C-alpha atoms as a PDB file:
ATOM      1  CA  MET A   1       0.000   0.000   0.000  1.00  0.00           C
ATOM      2  CA  THR A   2       1.391   3.373  -1.037  1.00  0.00           C
ATOM      3  CA  SER A   3       1.933   6.243   1.387  1.00  0.00           C
ATOM      4  CA  THR A   4      -0.739   8.269  -0.425  1.00  0.00           C
ATOM      5  CA  ALA A   5      -3.338   5.558   0.184  1.00  0.00           C
ATOM      6  CA  VAL A   6      -2.346   5.319   3.863  1.00  0.00           C
ATOM      7  CA  LYS A   7      -2.717   9.097   4.280  1.00  0.00           C
ATOM      8  CA  SER A   8      -6.076   9.045   2.489  1.00  0.00           C
ATOM      9  CA  ARG A   9      -7.378   6.265   4.736  1.00  0.00           C
ATOM     10  CA  ALA A  10      -6.128   8.065   7.863  1.00  0.00           C
ATOM     11  CA  ALA A  11      -7.824  11.297   6.745  1.00  0.00           C
ATOM     12  CA  ALA A  12     -11.096   9.452   6.102  1.00  0.00           C
ATOM     13  CA  SER A  13     -10.873   7.802   9.512  1.00  0.00           C
ATOM     14  CA  GLY A  14     -10.218  11.173  11.107  1.00  0.00           C
ATOM     15  CA  ARG A  15     -13.236  12.730   9.401  1.00  0.00           C
ATOM     16  CA  ALA A  16     -15.422   9.843  10.565  1.00  0.00           C
ATOM     17  CA  GLY A  17     -14.146  10.267  14.121  1.00  0.00           C
ATOM     18  CA  ASP A  18     -14.881  13.998  13.983  1.00  0.00           C
ATOM     19  CA  LYS A  19     -18.428  13.312  12.829  1.00  0.00           C
ATOM     20  CA  ILE A  20     -18.994  10.765  15.600  1.00  0.00           C
ATOM     21  CA  PHE A  21     -17.624  13.113  18.249  1.00  0.00           C
ATOM     22  CA  SER A  22     -19.646  16.044  16.906  1.00  0.00           C
ATOM     23  CA  GLY A  23     -22.815  13.969  16.898  1.00  0.00           C
ATOM     24  CA  ALA A  24     -22.193  12.699  20.423  1.00  0.00           C
ATOM     25  CA  ALA A  25     -21.543  16.216  21.715  1.00  0.00           C
ATOM     26  CA  LEU A  26     -24.677  17.529  20.012  1.00  0.00           C
ATOM     27  CA  GLY A  27     -26.724  14.656  21.427  1.00  0.00           C
ATOM     28  CA  ALA A  28     -25.421  15.311  24.938  1.00  0.00           C
ATOM     29  CA  GLY A  29     -26.305  19.000  24.655  1.00  0.00           C
ATOM     30  CA  VAL A  30     -29.809  18.255  23.384  1.00  0.00           C
ATOM     31  CA  LEU A  31     -30.303  15.654  26.146  1.00  0.00           C
ATOM     32  CA  ILE A  32     -29.407  18.238  28.795  1.00  0.00           C
ATOM     33  CA  LEU A  33     -31.928  20.711  27.366  1.00  0.00           C
ATOM     34  CA  ILE A  34     -34.641  18.047  27.201  1.00  0.00           C
ATOM     35  CA  THR A  35     -33.942  17.013  30.792  1.00  0.00           C
ATOM     36  CA  LEU A  36     -34.049  20.613  31.980  1.00  0.00           C
ATOM     37  CA  PHE A  37     -37.334  21.213  30.168  1.00  0.00           C
ATOM     38  CA  ALA A  38     -38.793  17.990  31.575  1.00  0.00           C
ATOM     39  CA  VAL A  39     -37.865  18.963  35.138  1.00  0.00           C
ATOM     40  CA  ALA A  40     -39.403  22.421  34.713  1.00  0.00           C
ATOM     41  CA  LEU A  41     -42.568  20.956  33.171  1.00  0.00           C
ATOM     42  CA  PHE A  42     -42.904  18.384  35.983  1.00  0.00           C
ATOM     43  CA  LEU A  43     -42.534  21.050  38.672  1.00  0.00           C
ATOM     44  CA  LEU A  44     -45.043  23.323  36.969  1.00  0.00           C
ATOM     45  CA  ILE A  45     -47.687  20.607  36.525  1.00  0.00           C
ATOM     46  CA  GLN A  46     -47.312  19.346  40.098  1.00  0.00           C
ATOM     47  CA  ALA A  47     -47.426  22.897  41.500  1.00  0.00           C
ATOM     48  CA  LEU A  48     -50.602  23.977  39.648  1.00  0.00           C
ATOM     49  CA  PRO A  49     -52.979  22.988  42.497  1.00  0.00           C
ATOM     50  CA  THR A  50     -51.161  25.449  44.744  1.00  0.00           C
ATOM     51  CA  PHE A  51     -51.759  28.385  42.432  1.00  0.00           C
ATOM     52  CA  SER A  52     -55.460  27.605  41.996  1.00  0.00           C
ATOM     53  CA  ALA A  53     -56.199  26.731  45.636  1.00  0.00           C
ATOM     54  CA  ASP A  54     -58.085  28.927  48.079  1.00  0.00           C
ATOM     55  CA  PRO A  55     -55.505  31.127  49.893  1.00  0.00           C
ATOM     56  CA  ALA A  56     -56.972  30.043  53.225  1.00  0.00           C
ATOM     57  CA  GLU A  57     -55.990  26.433  52.461  1.00  0.00           C
ATOM     58  CA  ILE A  58     -52.308  27.291  51.951  1.00  0.00           C
ATOM     59  CA  THR A  59     -49.942  26.977  54.909  1.00  0.00           C
ATOM     60  CA  GLY A  60     -50.286  30.159  56.936  1.00  0.00           C
ATOM     61  CA  GLY A  61     -53.760  30.849  55.586  1.00  0.00           C
ATOM     62  CA  GLU A  62     -52.753  33.896  53.537  1.00  0.00           C
ATOM     63  CA  GLY A  63     -51.923  32.427  50.150  1.00  0.00           C
ATOM     64  CA  PHE A  64     -48.855  31.022  48.464  1.00  0.00           C
ATOM     65  CA  PHE A  65     -47.009  34.326  48.134  1.00  0.00           C
ATOM     66  CA  ALA A  66     -47.268  35.011  51.865  1.00  0.00           C
ATOM     67  CA  TYR A  67     -46.005  31.469  52.506  1.00  0.00           C
ATOM     68  CA  ILE A  68     -43.091  31.483  50.063  1.00  0.00           C
ATOM     69  CA  PHE A  69     -41.851  35.061  50.479  1.00  0.00           C
ATOM     70  CA  PRO A  70     -40.235  34.598  53.931  1.00  0.00           C
ATOM     71  CA  ILE A  71     -38.305  31.500  52.874  1.00  0.00           C
ATOM     72  CA  ILE A  72     -37.214  33.202  49.632  1.00  0.00           C
ATOM     73  CA  ILE A  73     -35.822  36.007  51.785  1.00  0.00           C
ATOM     74  CA  GLY A  74     -34.115  33.461  54.044  1.00  0.00           C
ATOM     75  CA  THR A  75     -32.616  31.663  51.044  1.00  0.00           C
ATOM     76  CA  VAL A  76     -31.286  34.847  49.458  1.00  0.00           C
ATOM     77  CA  ILE A  77     -29.922  36.256  52.727  1.00  0.00           C
ATOM     78  CA  ALA A  78     -28.139  33.027  53.660  1.00  0.00           C
ATOM     79  CA  ALA A  79     -26.593  32.624  50.200  1.00  0.00           C
ATOM     80  CA  ALA A  80     -25.592  36.295  49.960  1.00  0.00           C
ATOM     81  CA  ILE A  81     -23.884  36.354  53.364  1.00  0.00           C
ATOM     82  CA  ALA A  82     -22.127  33.077  52.555  1.00  0.00           C
ATOM     83  CA  LEU A  83     -20.726  34.545  49.331  1.00  0.00           C
ATOM     84  CA  VAL A  84     -19.694  37.802  51.026  1.00  0.00           C
ATOM     85  CA  ILE A  85     -17.685  35.767  53.527  1.00  0.00           C
ATOM     86  CA  ALA A  86     -16.339  33.043  51.235  1.00  0.00           C
ATOM     87  CA  THR A  87     -15.472  34.970  48.053  1.00  0.00           C
ATOM     88  CA  PRO A  88     -12.641  37.225  49.325  1.00  0.00           C
ATOM     89  CA  ILE A  89     -11.223  34.448  51.504  1.00  0.00           C
ATOM     90  CA  GLY A  90     -11.376  31.931  48.652  1.00  0.00           C
ATOM     91  CA  ILE A  91      -9.729  34.271  46.154  1.00  0.00           C
ATOM     92  CA  GLY A  92      -7.064  35.229  48.709  1.00  0.00           C
ATOM     93  CA  VAL A  93      -6.244  31.595  49.504  1.00  0.00           C
ATOM     94  CA  ALA A  94      -6.157  30.754  45.787  1.00  0.00           C
ATOM     95  CA  LEU A  95      -3.731  33.618  45.118  1.00  0.00           C
ATOM     96  CA  PHE A  96      -1.559  32.525  48.021  1.00  0.00           C
ATOM     97  CA  ILE A  97      -1.385  28.957  46.712  1.00  0.00           C
ATOM     98  CA  SER A  98      -0.758  29.947  43.095  1.00  0.00           C
ATOM     99  CA  HIS A  99       1.605  32.920  43.436  1.00  0.00           C
ATOM    100  CA  PHE A 100       2.978  33.304  46.944  1.00  0.00           C
ATOM    101  CA  ALA A 101       3.325  29.977  48.762  1.00  0.00           C
ATOM    102  CA  PRO A 102       6.485  27.882  48.357  1.00  0.00           C
ATOM    103  CA  ARG A 103       5.951  24.732  46.326  1.00  0.00           C
ATOM    104  CA  GLN A 104       6.410  22.556  49.439  1.00  0.00           C
ATOM    105  CA  ILE A 105       3.430  24.303  51.038  1.00  0.00           C
ATOM    106  CA  ALA A 106       1.281  25.038  47.979  1.00  0.00           C
ATOM    107  CA  GLY A 107       0.878  21.371  47.001  1.00  0.00           C
ATOM    108  CA  PRO A 108      -0.319  19.986  50.362  1.00  0.00           C
ATOM    109  CA  LEU A 109      -2.495  23.054  50.986  1.00  0.00           C
ATOM    110  CA  GLY A 110      -4.165  22.603  47.609  1.00  0.00           C
ATOM    111  CA  TYR A 111      -4.892  18.953  48.414  1.00  0.00           C
ATOM    112  CA  VAL A 112      -6.432  19.924  51.762  1.00  0.00           C
ATOM    113  CA  ILE A 113      -8.687  22.489  50.080  1.00  0.00           C
ATOM    114  CA  ASP A 114      -9.825  19.888  47.548  1.00  0.00           C
ATOM    115  CA  LEU A 115     -10.570  17.413  50.338  1.00  0.00           C
ATOM    116  CA  LEU A 116     -12.775  19.950  52.118  1.00  0.00           C
ATOM    117  CA  ALA A 117     -15.110  19.945  49.111  1.00  0.00           C
ATOM    118  CA  ALA A 118     -15.642  16.182  49.561  1.00  0.00           C
ATOM    119  CA  ILE A 119     -16.931  16.410  53.145  1.00  0.00           C
ATOM    120  CA  PRO A 120     -20.679  15.528  53.263  1.00  0.00           C
ATOM    121  CA  SER A 121     -23.001  18.429  54.011  1.00  0.00           C
ATOM    122  CA  VAL A 122     -24.467  16.640  57.022  1.00  0.00           C
ATOM    123  CA  ILE A 123     -21.033  16.802  58.678  1.00  0.00           C
ATOM    124  CA  TYR A 124     -20.916  20.550  58.167  1.00  0.00           C
ATOM    125  CA  GLY A 125     -24.440  20.800  59.542  1.00  0.00           C
ATOM    126  CA  ALA A 126     -23.596  18.781  62.644  1.00  0.00           C
ATOM    127  CA  TRP A 127     -20.504  20.935  63.228  1.00  0.00           C
ATOM    128  CA  GLY A 128     -22.578  24.093  62.848  1.00  0.00           C
ATOM    129  CA  TYR A 129     -25.292  22.797  65.175  1.00  0.00           C
ATOM    130  CA  MET A 130     -23.068  21.359  67.922  1.00  0.00           C
ATOM    131  CA  VAL A 131     -19.937  23.534  67.831  1.00  0.00           C
ATOM    132  CA  LEU A 132     -20.407  26.780  65.925  1.00  0.00           C
ATOM    133  CA  ALA A 133     -23.897  27.763  67.102  1.00  0.00           C
ATOM    134  CA  PRO A 134     -23.154  27.629  70.865  1.00  0.00           C
ATOM    135  CA  ALA A 135     -19.819  29.407  70.318  1.00  0.00           C
ATOM    136  CA  LEU A 136     -21.564  32.318  68.571  1.00  0.00           C
ATOM    137  CA  VAL A 137     -24.164  32.953  71.307  1.00  0.00           C
ATOM    138  CA  PRO A 138     -21.956  35.437  73.268  1.00  0.00           C
ATOM    139  CA  GLY A 139     -21.232  37.298  70.047  1.00  0.00           C
ATOM    140  CA  TYR A 140     -24.933  37.520  69.236  1.00  0.00           C
ATOM    141  CA  GLU A 141     -25.668  38.877  72.710  1.00  0.00           C
ATOM    142  CA  TRP A 142     -22.964  41.537  72.254  1.00  0.00           C
ATOM    143  CA  LEU A 143     -24.378  42.519  68.878  1.00  0.00           C
ATOM    144  CA  SER A 144     -27.874  42.758  70.343  1.00  0.00           C
ATOM    145  CA  GLN A 145     -26.753  44.921  73.253  1.00  0.00           C
ATOM    146  CA  ASN A 146     -24.440  47.253  71.342  1.00  0.00           C
ATOM    147  CA  LEU A 147     -25.807  47.295  67.803  1.00  0.00           C
ATOM    148  CA  GLY A 148     -29.432  46.413  68.441  1.00  0.00           C
ATOM    149  CA  PHE A 149     -30.558  49.728  66.947  1.00  0.00           C
ATOM    150  CA  ILE A 150     -29.607  48.268  63.537  1.00  0.00           C
ATOM    151  CA  PRO A 151     -32.544  46.117  62.321  1.00  0.00           C
ATOM    152  CA  ILE A 152     -30.376  43.174  61.290  1.00  0.00           C
ATOM    153  CA  PHE A 153     -28.923  42.961  64.823  1.00  0.00           C
ATOM    154  CA  GLU A 154     -32.167  43.567  66.673  1.00  0.00           C
ATOM    155  CA  GLY A 155     -32.673  41.385  69.740  1.00  0.00           C
ATOM    156  CA  PRO A 156     -33.505  39.360  71.592  1.00  0.00           C
ATOM    157  CA  ALA A 157     -30.487  37.340  70.547  1.00  0.00           C
ATOM    158  CA  SER A 158     -30.904  33.618  70.115  1.00  0.00           C
ATOM    159  CA  GLN A 159     -29.776  31.588  73.115  1.00  0.00           C
ATOM    160  CA  THR A 160     -29.148  28.513  70.972  1.00  0.00           C
ATOM    161  CA  GLY A 161     -27.230  30.147  68.129  1.00  0.00           C
ATOM    162  CA  LYS A 162     -29.570  28.579  65.559  1.00  0.00           C
ATOM    163  CA  THR A 163     -29.895  31.679  63.389  1.00  0.00           C
ATOM    164  CA  ILE A 164     -29.693  32.634  59.739  1.00  0.00           C
ATOM    165  CA  LEU A 165     -26.236  34.117  60.368  1.00  0.00           C
ATOM    166  CA  THR A 166     -24.955  30.818  61.766  1.00  0.00           C
ATOM    167  CA  ALA A 167     -26.364  28.979  58.755  1.00  0.00           C
ATOM    168  CA  SER A 168     -24.700  31.526  56.459  1.00  0.00           C
ATOM    169  CA  ILE A 169     -21.303  30.956  58.092  1.00  0.00           C
ATOM    170  CA  VAL A 170     -21.711  27.198  57.667  1.00  0.00           C
ATOM    171  CA  LEU A 171     -22.616  27.721  54.007  1.00  0.00           C
ATOM    172  CA  ALA A 172     -19.570  29.971  53.585  1.00  0.00           C
ATOM    173  CA  VAL A 173     -17.323  27.193  54.873  1.00  0.00           C
ATOM    174  CA  MET A 174     -19.001  24.759  52.486  1.00  0.00           C
ATOM    175  CA  VAL A 175     -18.607  26.888  49.349  1.00  0.00           C
ATOM    176  CA  LEU A 176     -15.103  28.089  50.220  1.00  0.00           C
ATOM    177  CA  PRO A 177     -13.346  24.986  48.757  1.00  0.00           C
ATOM    178  CA  ILE A 178     -15.281  25.336  45.485  1.00  0.00           C
ATOM    179  CA  ILE A 179     -14.349  28.986  44.995  1.00  0.00           C
ATOM    180  CA  THR A 180     -10.757  28.400  46.098  1.00  0.00           C
ATOM    181  CA  SER A 181     -10.100  25.344  43.931  1.00  0.00           C
ATOM    182  CA  LEU A 182     -11.568  26.806  40.742  1.00  0.00           C
ATOM    183  CA  SER A 183      -9.935  30.206  41.250  1.00  0.00           C
ATOM    184  CA  ARG A 184      -6.572  28.570  41.877  1.00  0.00           C
ATOM    185  CA  GLU A 185      -6.756  26.637  38.615  1.00  0.00           C
ATOM    186  CA  ILE A 186      -7.703  29.806  36.721  1.00  0.00           C
ATOM    187  CA  PHE A 187      -4.830  31.771  38.295  1.00  0.00           C
ATOM    188  CA  LEU A 188      -2.367  29.053  37.309  1.00  0.00           C
ATOM    189  CA  GLN A 189      -3.520  29.326  33.682  1.00  0.00           C
ATOM    190  CA  THR A 190      -2.530  32.997  33.435  1.00  0.00           C
ATOM    191  CA  PRO A 191      -0.039  33.295  30.521  1.00  0.00           C
ATOM    192  CA  LYS A 192       3.475  33.524  31.949  1.00  0.00           C
ATOM    193  CA  LEU A 193       4.396  36.052  29.286  1.00  0.00           C
ATOM    194  CA  HIS A 194       1.785  38.433  30.689  1.00  0.00           C
ATOM    195  CA  GLU A 195       3.151  38.079  34.205  1.00  0.00           C
ATOM    196  CA  GLU A 196       6.762  38.418  33.091  1.00  0.00           C
ATOM    197  CA  ALA A 197       5.930  41.452  30.956  1.00  0.00           C
ATOM    198  CA  ALA A 198       4.307  43.205  33.907  1.00  0.00           C
ATOM    199  CA  LEU A 199       7.297  42.452  36.143  1.00  0.00           C
ATOM    200  CA  ALA A 200       9.725  43.552  33.412  1.00  0.00           C
ATOM    201  CA  LEU A 201       7.946  46.913  33.232  1.00  0.00           C
ATOM    202  CA  GLY A 202       8.689  47.471  36.908  1.00  0.00           C
ATOM    203  CA  ALA A 203       5.449  46.259  38.503  1.00  0.00           C
ATOM    204  CA  THR A 204       5.552  44.779  41.988  1.00  0.00           C
ATOM    205  CA  ARG A 205       4.158  41.292  42.513  1.00  0.00           C
ATOM    206  CA  TRP A 206       0.838  42.715  43.723  1.00  0.00           C
ATOM    207  CA  GLU A 207       0.658  45.116  40.779  1.00  0.00           C
ATOM    208  CA  MET A 208       1.380  42.209  38.450  1.00  0.00           C
ATOM    209  CA  ILE A 209      -1.525  40.283  40.008  1.00  0.00           C
ATOM    210  CA  THR A 210      -3.946  43.215  39.696  1.00  0.00           C
ATOM    211  CA  THR A 211      -2.954  44.078  36.109  1.00  0.00           C
ATOM    212  CA  ALA A 212      -2.296  40.622  34.607  1.00  0.00           C
ATOM    213  CA  VAL A 213      -3.707  37.801  36.745  1.00  0.00           C
ATOM    214  CA  LEU A 214      -7.041  39.150  37.973  1.00  0.00           C
ATOM    215  CA  PRO A 215      -8.194  40.582  34.601  1.00  0.00           C
ATOM    216  CA  PHE A 216      -7.375  37.264  32.920  1.00  0.00           C
ATOM    217  CA  ALA A 217      -9.156  35.291  35.661  1.00  0.00           C
ATOM    218  CA  ARG A 218     -12.248  37.509  35.986  1.00  0.00           C
ATOM    219  CA  PRO A 219     -14.648  35.264  33.991  1.00  0.00           C
ATOM    220  CA  GLY A 220     -13.341  32.194  35.836  1.00  0.00           C
ATOM    221  CA  ILE A 221     -13.771  33.863  39.216  1.00  0.00           C
ATOM    222  CA  ILE A 222     -17.354  34.784  38.349  1.00  0.00           C
ATOM    223  CA  SER A 223     -18.013  31.173  37.303  1.00  0.00           C
ATOM    224  CA  ALA A 224     -16.509  29.886  40.566  1.00  0.00           C
ATOM    225  CA  VAL A 225     -18.643  32.271  42.616  1.00  0.00           C
ATOM    226  CA  MET A 226     -21.769  31.216  40.705  1.00  0.00           C
ATOM    227  CA  LEU A 227     -21.031  27.545  41.378  1.00  0.00           C
ATOM    228  CA  GLY A 228     -20.614  28.392  45.044  1.00  0.00           C
ATOM    229  CA  LEU A 229     -23.881  30.333  44.948  1.00  0.00           C
ATOM    230  CA  GLY A 230     -25.600  27.327  43.389  1.00  0.00           C
ATOM    231  CA  ARG A 231     -24.546  25.137  46.296  1.00  0.00           C
ATOM    232  CA  ALA A 232     -25.512  27.790  48.825  1.00  0.00           C
ATOM    233  CA  LEU A 233     -28.978  28.183  47.282  1.00  0.00           C
ATOM    234  CA  GLY A 234     -29.655  24.463  47.086  1.00  0.00           C
ATOM    235  CA  GLU A 235     -28.078  23.244  50.307  1.00  0.00           C
ATOM    236  CA  THR A 236     -30.498  21.279  52.500  1.00  0.00           C
ATOM    237  CA  MET A 237     -29.150  19.201  55.360  1.00  0.00           C
ATOM    238  CA  ALA A 238     -26.621  21.647  56.763  1.00  0.00           C
ATOM    239  CA  VAL A 239     -29.169  24.458  56.850  1.00  0.00           C
ATOM    240  CA  ALA A 240     -31.930  22.184  58.144  1.00  0.00           C
ATOM    241  CA  LEU A 241     -29.741  21.102  61.068  1.00  0.00           C
ATOM    242  CA  VAL A 242     -28.713  24.637  61.990  1.00  0.00           C
ATOM    243  CA  LEU A 243     -31.925  26.626  61.490  1.00  0.00           C
ATOM    244  CA  SER A 244     -35.206  26.567  63.324  1.00  0.00           C
ATOM    245  CA  THR A 245     -38.369  27.266  61.398  1.00  0.00           C
ATOM    246  CA  GLY A 246     -39.987  30.637  61.737  1.00  0.00           C
ATOM    247  CA  GLY A 247     -41.500  33.588  59.934  1.00  0.00           C
ATOM    248  CA  LEU A 248     -39.956  36.533  58.167  1.00  0.00           C
ATOM    249  CA  ILE A 249     -37.481  37.868  60.727  1.00  0.00           C
ATOM    250  CA  PRO A 250     -35.206  40.664  59.491  1.00  0.00           C
ATOM    251  CA  SER A 251     -32.704  40.187  62.320  1.00  0.00           C
ATOM    252  CA  LEU A 252     -29.750  37.898  61.633  1.00  0.00           C
ATOM    253  CA  ILE A 253     -29.300  36.933  65.296  1.00  0.00           C
ATOM    254  CA  LYS A 254     -32.826  35.848  66.215  1.00  0.00           C
ATOM    255  CA  THR A 255     -33.978  32.258  66.117  1.00  0.00           C
ATOM    256  CA  GLY A 256     -36.142  31.654  63.081  1.00  0.00           C
ATOM    257  CA  ASN A 257     -36.433  31.904  59.308  1.00  0.00           C
ATOM    258  CA  GLN A 258     -35.790  29.126  56.818  1.00  0.00           C
ATOM    259  CA  THR A 259     -34.523  28.474  53.304  1.00  0.00           C
ATOM    260  CA  ILE A 260     -36.462  26.890  50.442  1.00  0.00           C
ATOM    261  CA  ALA A 261     -34.266  23.795  50.203  1.00  0.00           C
ATOM    262  CA  ALA A 262     -34.383  23.136  53.950  1.00  0.00           C
ATOM    263  CA  GLU A 263     -38.146  23.755  54.034  1.00  0.00           C
ATOM    264  CA  ILE A 264     -38.646  21.098  51.361  1.00  0.00           C
ATOM    265  CA  ALA A 265     -36.255  18.618  52.986  1.00  0.00           C
ATOM    266  CA  LEU A 266     -37.872  18.912  56.411  1.00  0.00           C
ATOM    267  CA  ASN A 267     -41.498  18.632  55.269  1.00  0.00           C
ATOM    268  CA  PHE A 268     -41.488  16.543  52.075  1.00  0.00           C
ATOM    269  CA  PRO A 269     -41.459  13.048  53.659  1.00  0.00           C
ATOM    270  CA  GLU A 270     -44.793  13.612  55.456  1.00  0.00           C
ATOM    271  CA  ALA A 271     -46.431  15.883  52.879  1.00  0.00           C
ATOM    272  CA  PHE A 272     -49.429  14.876  50.763  1.00  0.00           C
ATOM    273  CA  GLY A 273     -52.178  16.552  48.801  1.00  0.00           C
ATOM    274  CA  LEU A 274     -52.063  20.327  48.734  1.00  0.00           C
ATOM    275  CA  ARG A 275     -49.105  20.453  51.127  1.00  0.00           C
ATOM    276  CA  LEU A 276     -47.082  18.359  48.692  1.00  0.00           C
ATOM    277  CA  ALA A 277     -48.056  20.711  45.870  1.00  0.00           C
ATOM    278  CA  GLU A 278     -46.920  23.664  48.013  1.00  0.00           C
ATOM    279  CA  LEU A 279     -43.470  22.155  48.481  1.00  0.00           C
ATOM    280  CA  ILE A 280     -43.148  21.335  44.783  1.00  0.00           C
ATOM    281  CA  ALA A 281     -44.170  24.918  44.000  1.00  0.00           C
ATOM    282  CA  ALA A 282     -41.438  26.078  46.377  1.00  0.00           C
ATOM    283  CA  GLY A 283     -39.022  23.871  44.435  1.00  0.00           C
ATOM    284  CA  LEU A 284     -40.206  25.524  41.218  1.00  0.00           C
ATOM    285  CA  VAL A 285     -39.448  28.948  42.717  1.00  0.00           C
ATOM    286  CA  LEU A 286     -35.947  27.779  43.698  1.00  0.00           C
ATOM    287  CA  PHE A 287     -35.476  26.391  40.185  1.00  0.00           C
ATOM    288  CA  LEU A 288     -36.415  29.771  38.699  1.00  0.00           C
ATOM    289  CA  ILE A 289     -34.155  31.673  41.105  1.00  0.00           C
ATOM    290  CA  THR A 290     -31.207  29.445  40.195  1.00  0.00           C
ATOM    291  CA  LEU A 291     -31.979  29.809  36.479  1.00  0.00           C
ATOM    292  CA  VAL A 292     -32.139  33.607  36.690  1.00  0.00           C
ATOM    293  CA  VAL A 293     -28.916  33.783  38.709  1.00  0.00           C
ATOM    294  CA  ASN A 294     -27.079  31.640  36.163  1.00  0.00           C
ATOM    295  CA  MET A 295     -28.422  33.705  33.259  1.00  0.00           C
ATOM    296  CA  ILE A 296     -27.150  36.879  34.946  1.00  0.00           C
ATOM    297  CA  ALA A 297     -23.782  35.224  35.545  1.00  0.00           C
ATOM    298  CA  ARG A 298     -23.503  34.185  31.906  1.00  0.00           C
ATOM    299  CA  ALA A 299     -24.346  37.733  30.824  1.00  0.00           C
ATOM    300  CA  ILE A 300     -21.630  39.139  33.095  1.00  0.00           C
ATOM    301  CA  ILE A 301     -19.060  36.646  31.808  1.00  0.00           C
ATOM    302  CA  ALA A 302     -19.961  37.389  28.181  1.00  0.00           C
ATOM    303  CA  ARG A 303     -19.669  41.120  28.843  1.00  0.00           C
ATOM    304  CA  HIS A 304     -16.203  40.913  30.380  1.00  0.00           C
ATOM    305  CA  LYS A 305     -14.577  38.030  28.491  1.00  0.00           C
ATOM    306  CA  GLU A 306     -13.022  40.404  25.959  1.00  0.00           C
ATOM    307  CA  PHE A 307     -11.023  41.942  28.824  1.00  0.00           C
ATOM    308  CA  SER A 308      -9.870  38.611  30.210  1.00  0.00           C
ATOM    309  CA  GLY A 309      -6.316  39.059  28.964  1.00  0.00           C
ATOM    310  CA  ALA A 310      -6.453  35.832  26.997  1.00  0.00           C
ATOM    311  CA  ASN A 311      -6.821  37.562  23.649  1.00  0.00           C
END
């Protein structure tokens, strides 16, 4: 067989492989869309009785909006506080591992961070319930006594520590490994020529990070934060163990409030009839919140990708 024939057969085989891979990738993408649509359709159909029911029959007796609004607020507050705590710490730890720590320290520290992401959520919840919550009670009392004029620190402070702020701290610890690990990998992918060029122009290490590393990593950091937000919004067991149920309480240090995921997890096993439809409707609301958040994140990434430094 001549070399020309061998090359022709190899090219044909390559084209066939490309077609198979392209078809498989397209099929996987379509399957994801179909699955997403099926989940949304299932939630909507199962939740319809809630929207058409008499408001007096809904939990609380004031309609679905009055029932769902407090736990939406609890979900958003818990996730937002968790991100406010975890994002700067995660980015700082990732920068330390990727650009400051000696190799002998960076490797083991990176492994430890990755292992933290594998700890089951129930372990975090038990730690928050048994260790963190009691330890925070004196701090809550101090906040109530000295900063009680601020609505979010209004007393009386919880004597058990089972508050939305405690749950938020637990969530921050849970999402910290996700943000740190992804940010670290993005920082390590920064083109060395960009870093060396900044240093050659007289920039300090910190100036090099702010002018070369962070602009390049901005879309990746946003993606990491959104993944962390997704876990914070959907977390169940850790929040369910830490929080007590309650109404819409604006204070972060009072006992009460709940998140959508924990509300569903705590009540779903015994729910039936209209109560079951209520919980599925709550799941639909969480689905929509997550979808909107991800759409906003994608819009932000698309807006800033041209400034990533990768071009």
